[in-house]
């Protein structure tokens, strides 16, 4: 663990004082600053051990304002969207992200996962790019057991009207279902990235691909 005076945030390698400011936690610039940063570092170290325990993290949001901010940060770093579940659909996540931009800013990784019952829900590139434009800090996009599509012909899609995805750096693919417009889906996603390199991870390939 780094010394608290260094201000290094262990989990994401960003300045802890900057993170505290982002979370709305007041850190004075007086001599007590290092002690306050040390307390925040200890809080984060505790909550980081609860990353796989959402129930405990939700309980931590009721402790105090500082714990609430850090717990929300850990709860929302990775968000799972399930297109075949109405309350976890792309539309619901977009509605939440638009209504709570301060919370949406915590999301660093987005996973879009289809059902386990054999159904493969379709996801449109237009919806994905719109959602990523609202979740503007997402650096990793995971697609699993879904069928990527575009809603129109590739030549007719208004790609210039789609938002740029400057933070997206990694796409993880697992068990994707092949569609007639899957190539257009990824071409548009790549075009929205600009000239920055994009890393693609293939975890598993569907037998039909």
Protein backbone atom coordinates (compact mmCIF):
# COMPACT_ATOMS: atom_id res chain seq x y z
CA UNK A 1 0.00 0.00 0.00
CA UNK A 2 1.47 3.41 -0.90
CA UNK A 3 2.16 6.03 1.77
CA UNK A 4 -0.92 8.22 2.31
CA UNK A 5 1.10 11.36 1.68
CA UNK A 6 1.77 10.26 -1.88
CA UNK A 7 -1.93 10.62 -2.66
CA UNK A 8 -1.88 7.59 -4.97
CA UNK A 9 -5.24 5.87 -5.30
CA UNK A 10 -4.45 2.18 -5.07
CA UNK A 11 -7.28 0.82 -7.24
CA UNK A 12 -7.16 3.11 -10.26
CA UNK A 13 -3.74 4.81 -9.98
CA UNK A 14 -5.22 8.29 -9.96
CA UNK A 15 -4.58 11.02 -7.42
CA UNK A 16 -6.63 10.39 -4.29
CA UNK A 17 -7.24 14.08 -3.71
CA UNK A 18 -8.65 14.32 -7.25
CA UNK A 19 -10.91 11.35 -6.57
CA UNK A 20 -12.09 12.91 -3.29
CA UNK A 21 -12.95 16.09 -5.16
CA UNK A 22 -14.80 14.09 -7.83
CA UNK A 23 -16.82 12.31 -5.15
CA UNK A 24 -17.66 15.63 -3.48
CA UNK A 25 -15.61 14.91 -0.35
CA UNK A 26 -14.06 18.03 1.17
CA UNK A 27 -10.31 17.73 1.71
CA UNK A 28 -8.67 20.79 3.27
CA UNK A 29 -5.35 22.11 2.02
CA UNK A 30 -4.06 22.68 5.55
CA UNK A 31 -1.69 20.42 7.48
CA UNK A 32 -4.48 17.95 8.17
CA UNK A 33 -4.77 17.14 4.45
CA UNK A 34 -2.48 14.09 4.60
CA UNK A 35 -4.43 12.67 7.54
CA UNK A 36 -7.72 13.13 5.69
CA UNK A 37 -6.25 11.45 2.62
CA UNK A 38 -5.02 8.60 4.81
CA UNK A 39 -8.55 8.12 6.18
CA UNK A 40 -9.97 8.08 2.64
CA UNK A 41 -7.33 5.55 1.61
CA UNK A 42 -8.27 3.28 4.51
CA UNK A 43 -11.95 3.61 3.62
CA UNK A 44 -11.25 2.70 0.03
CA UNK A 45 -9.08 -0.25 1.09
CA UNK A 46 -11.96 -1.58 3.20
CA UNK A 47 -14.56 -1.12 0.47
CA UNK A 48 -12.30 -2.61 -2.22
CA UNK A 49 -12.54 -5.93 -0.37
CA UNK A 50 -16.32 -5.79 -0.87
CA UNK A 51 -16.20 -5.45 -4.66
CA UNK A 52 -17.96 -8.80 -5.10
CA UNK A 53 -20.48 -8.15 -2.31
CA UNK A 54 -23.05 -5.69 -3.63
CA UNK A 55 -25.34 -6.15 -0.64
CA UNK A 56 -22.60 -5.02 1.76
CA UNK A 57 -21.63 -2.13 -0.51
CA UNK A 58 -25.26 -0.97 -0.61
CA UNK A 59 -25.35 -1.13 3.19
CA UNK A 60 -22.19 1.02 3.32
CA UNK A 61 -23.99 3.82 1.46
CA UNK A 62 -26.03 4.43 4.65
CA UNK A 63 -23.01 4.94 6.96
CA UNK A 64 -22.22 8.58 6.11
CA UNK A 65 -21.72 10.86 3.10
CA UNK A 66 -18.07 9.90 2.57
CA UNK A 67 -18.80 6.16 2.80
CA UNK A 68 -21.78 6.62 0.50
CA UNK A 69 -19.61 8.27 -2.16
CA UNK A 70 -16.93 5.58 -2.06
CA UNK A 71 -19.47 2.75 -1.93
CA UNK A 72 -21.27 4.17 -4.96
CA UNK A 73 -17.93 4.38 -6.77
CA UNK A 74 -17.24 0.68 -6.11
CA UNK A 75 -20.81 -0.37 -6.86
CA UNK A 76 -20.89 1.37 -10.23
CA UNK A 77 -17.39 0.78 -11.58
CA UNK A 78 -18.70 -2.24 -13.49
CA UNK A 79 -22.33 -2.25 -14.68
CA UNK A 80 -24.08 -5.29 -16.16
CA UNK A 81 -26.87 -4.76 -18.69
CA UNK A 82 -29.17 -7.65 -19.67
CA UNK A 83 -31.23 -6.85 -22.80
CA UNK A 84 -33.70 -9.68 -22.11
CA UNK A 85 -34.47 -8.39 -18.59
CA UNK A 86 -36.75 -5.31 -18.76
CA UNK A 87 -35.39 -3.74 -15.55
CA UNK A 88 -31.77 -4.21 -16.72
CA UNK A 89 -32.20 -3.33 -20.40
CA UNK A 90 -30.20 -0.80 -22.41
CA UNK A 91 -33.16 1.58 -22.30
CA UNK A 92 -33.42 1.41 -18.50
CA UNK A 93 -29.68 1.93 -18.08
CA UNK A 94 -29.79 4.89 -20.47
CA UNK A 95 -32.69 6.40 -18.52
CA UNK A 96 -30.81 5.98 -15.23
CA UNK A 97 -27.55 7.37 -16.64
CA UNK A 98 -29.29 10.41 -18.11
CA UNK A 99 -31.15 11.18 -14.87
CA UNK A 100 -28.08 10.69 -12.64
CA UNK A 101 -24.98 11.89 -14.55
CA UNK A 102 -22.96 12.19 -11.33
CA UNK A 103 -23.42 8.45 -10.71
CA UNK A 104 -23.00 7.53 -14.39
CA UNK A 105 -19.55 9.13 -14.28
CA UNK A 106 -18.38 6.32 -11.94
CA UNK A 107 -19.03 3.60 -14.55
CA UNK A 108 -15.72 2.41 -16.02
CA UNK A 109 -16.78 -0.94 -17.48
CA UNK A 110 -20.02 -1.93 -19.23
CA UNK A 111 -21.06 -5.56 -19.73
CA UNK A 112 -23.98 -6.41 -22.04
CA UNK A 113 -24.92 -10.04 -21.41
CA UNK A 114 -27.65 -12.14 -22.98
CA UNK A 115 -29.73 -14.82 -21.28
CA UNK A 116 -28.58 -18.30 -20.33
CA UNK A 117 -31.74 -20.01 -21.57
CA UNK A 118 -30.56 -20.22 -25.17
CA UNK A 119 -32.09 -16.94 -26.30
CA UNK A 120 -29.73 -14.44 -27.93
CA UNK A 121 -31.13 -10.89 -27.72
CA UNK A 122 -30.25 -8.40 -30.43
CA UNK A 123 -28.41 -5.17 -29.57
CA UNK A 124 -28.18 -2.29 -32.03
CA UNK A 125 -25.00 -0.26 -32.48
CA UNK A 126 -27.08 2.92 -32.36
CA UNK A 127 -28.27 2.07 -28.83
CA UNK A 128 -24.80 1.03 -27.67
CA UNK A 129 -23.07 4.18 -28.94
CA UNK A 130 -25.82 6.36 -27.44
CA UNK A 131 -25.40 4.67 -24.06
CA UNK A 132 -21.59 4.92 -24.18
CA UNK A 133 -21.85 8.63 -24.99
CA UNK A 134 -23.70 9.09 -21.68
CA UNK A 135 -21.36 6.74 -19.80
CA UNK A 136 -18.45 8.81 -21.05
CA UNK A 137 -15.82 7.28 -18.71
CA UNK A 138 -16.33 3.67 -19.87
CA UNK A 139 -13.05 2.22 -21.08
CA UNK A 140 -14.08 -1.43 -21.43
CA UNK A 141 -17.11 -2.83 -23.26
CA UNK A 142 -17.99 -6.54 -22.93
CA UNK A 143 -20.49 -8.28 -25.21
CA UNK A 144 -21.59 -11.80 -24.26
CA UNK A 145 -24.31 -14.06 -25.71
CA UNK A 146 -25.85 -11.26 -27.79
CA UNK A 147 -26.49 -10.65 -31.49
CA UNK A 148 -24.95 -7.32 -32.62
CA UNK A 149 -26.96 -5.59 -35.36
CA UNK A 150 -27.46 -2.26 -37.10
CA UNK A 151 -30.96 -0.98 -37.79
CA UNK A 152 -30.33 0.02 -41.39
CA UNK A 153 -28.05 -0.66 -44.32
CA UNK A 154 -24.42 0.14 -43.60
CA UNK A 155 -24.28 2.67 -46.43
CA UNK A 156 -27.34 4.50 -45.12
CA UNK A 157 -26.36 4.73 -41.44
CA UNK A 158 -25.76 8.30 -40.26
CA UNK A 159 -22.38 7.54 -38.68
CA UNK A 160 -21.44 11.22 -38.54
CA UNK A 161 -24.41 11.83 -36.27
CA UNK A 162 -23.28 9.16 -33.79
CA UNK A 163 -21.23 10.34 -30.78
CA UNK A 164 -17.48 9.84 -30.50
CA UNK A 165 -16.34 7.27 -27.93
CA UNK A 166 -12.98 8.70 -26.95
CA UNK A 167 -12.49 6.72 -23.71
CA UNK A 168 -13.32 3.25 -25.05
CA UNK A 169 -10.09 1.29 -25.29
CA UNK A 170 -11.05 -2.39 -24.87
CA UNK A 171 -13.82 -4.62 -26.23
CA UNK A 172 -14.30 -8.14 -24.85
CA UNK A 173 -16.32 -10.59 -26.98
CA UNK A 174 -17.80 -13.88 -25.80
CA UNK A 175 -20.21 -16.28 -27.55
CA UNK A 176 -21.58 -13.75 -30.01
CA UNK A 177 -24.33 -14.76 -32.44
CA UNK A 178 -23.59 -14.00 -36.09
CA UNK A 179 -25.95 -11.56 -37.85
CA UNK A 180 -26.09 -10.08 -41.36
CA UNK A 181 -25.00 -6.68 -40.04
CA UNK A 182 -22.45 -7.73 -37.42
CA UNK A 183 -19.58 -6.39 -39.56
CA UNK A 184 -21.30 -3.01 -39.82
CA UNK A 185 -21.83 -3.01 -36.05
CA UNK A 186 -18.13 -3.25 -35.29
CA UNK A 187 -17.08 -1.00 -38.17
CA UNK A 188 -19.27 1.81 -36.85
CA UNK A 189 -18.04 1.19 -33.30
CA UNK A 190 -14.47 1.40 -34.56
CA UNK A 191 -15.17 4.59 -36.54
CA UNK A 192 -16.63 6.23 -33.44
CA UNK A 193 -13.36 5.53 -31.65
CA UNK A 194 -11.35 7.88 -33.86
CA UNK A 195 -7.66 7.10 -34.38
CA UNK A 196 -6.85 5.74 -30.92
CA UNK A 197 -5.90 2.03 -30.74
CA UNK A 198 -8.65 -0.39 -29.76
CA UNK A 199 -7.87 -3.70 -28.03
CA UNK A 200 -10.21 -6.62 -28.75
CA UNK A 201 -10.31 -9.72 -26.53
CA UNK A 202 -11.94 -12.93 -27.81
CA UNK A 203 -12.94 -15.03 -24.81
CA UNK A 204 -15.06 -17.60 -26.66
CA UNK A 205 -16.42 -17.87 -30.19
CA UNK A 206 -19.92 -19.14 -30.95
CA UNK A 207 -19.97 -22.18 -33.25
CA UNK A 208 -22.05 -20.31 -35.83
CA UNK A 209 -19.57 -17.43 -36.21
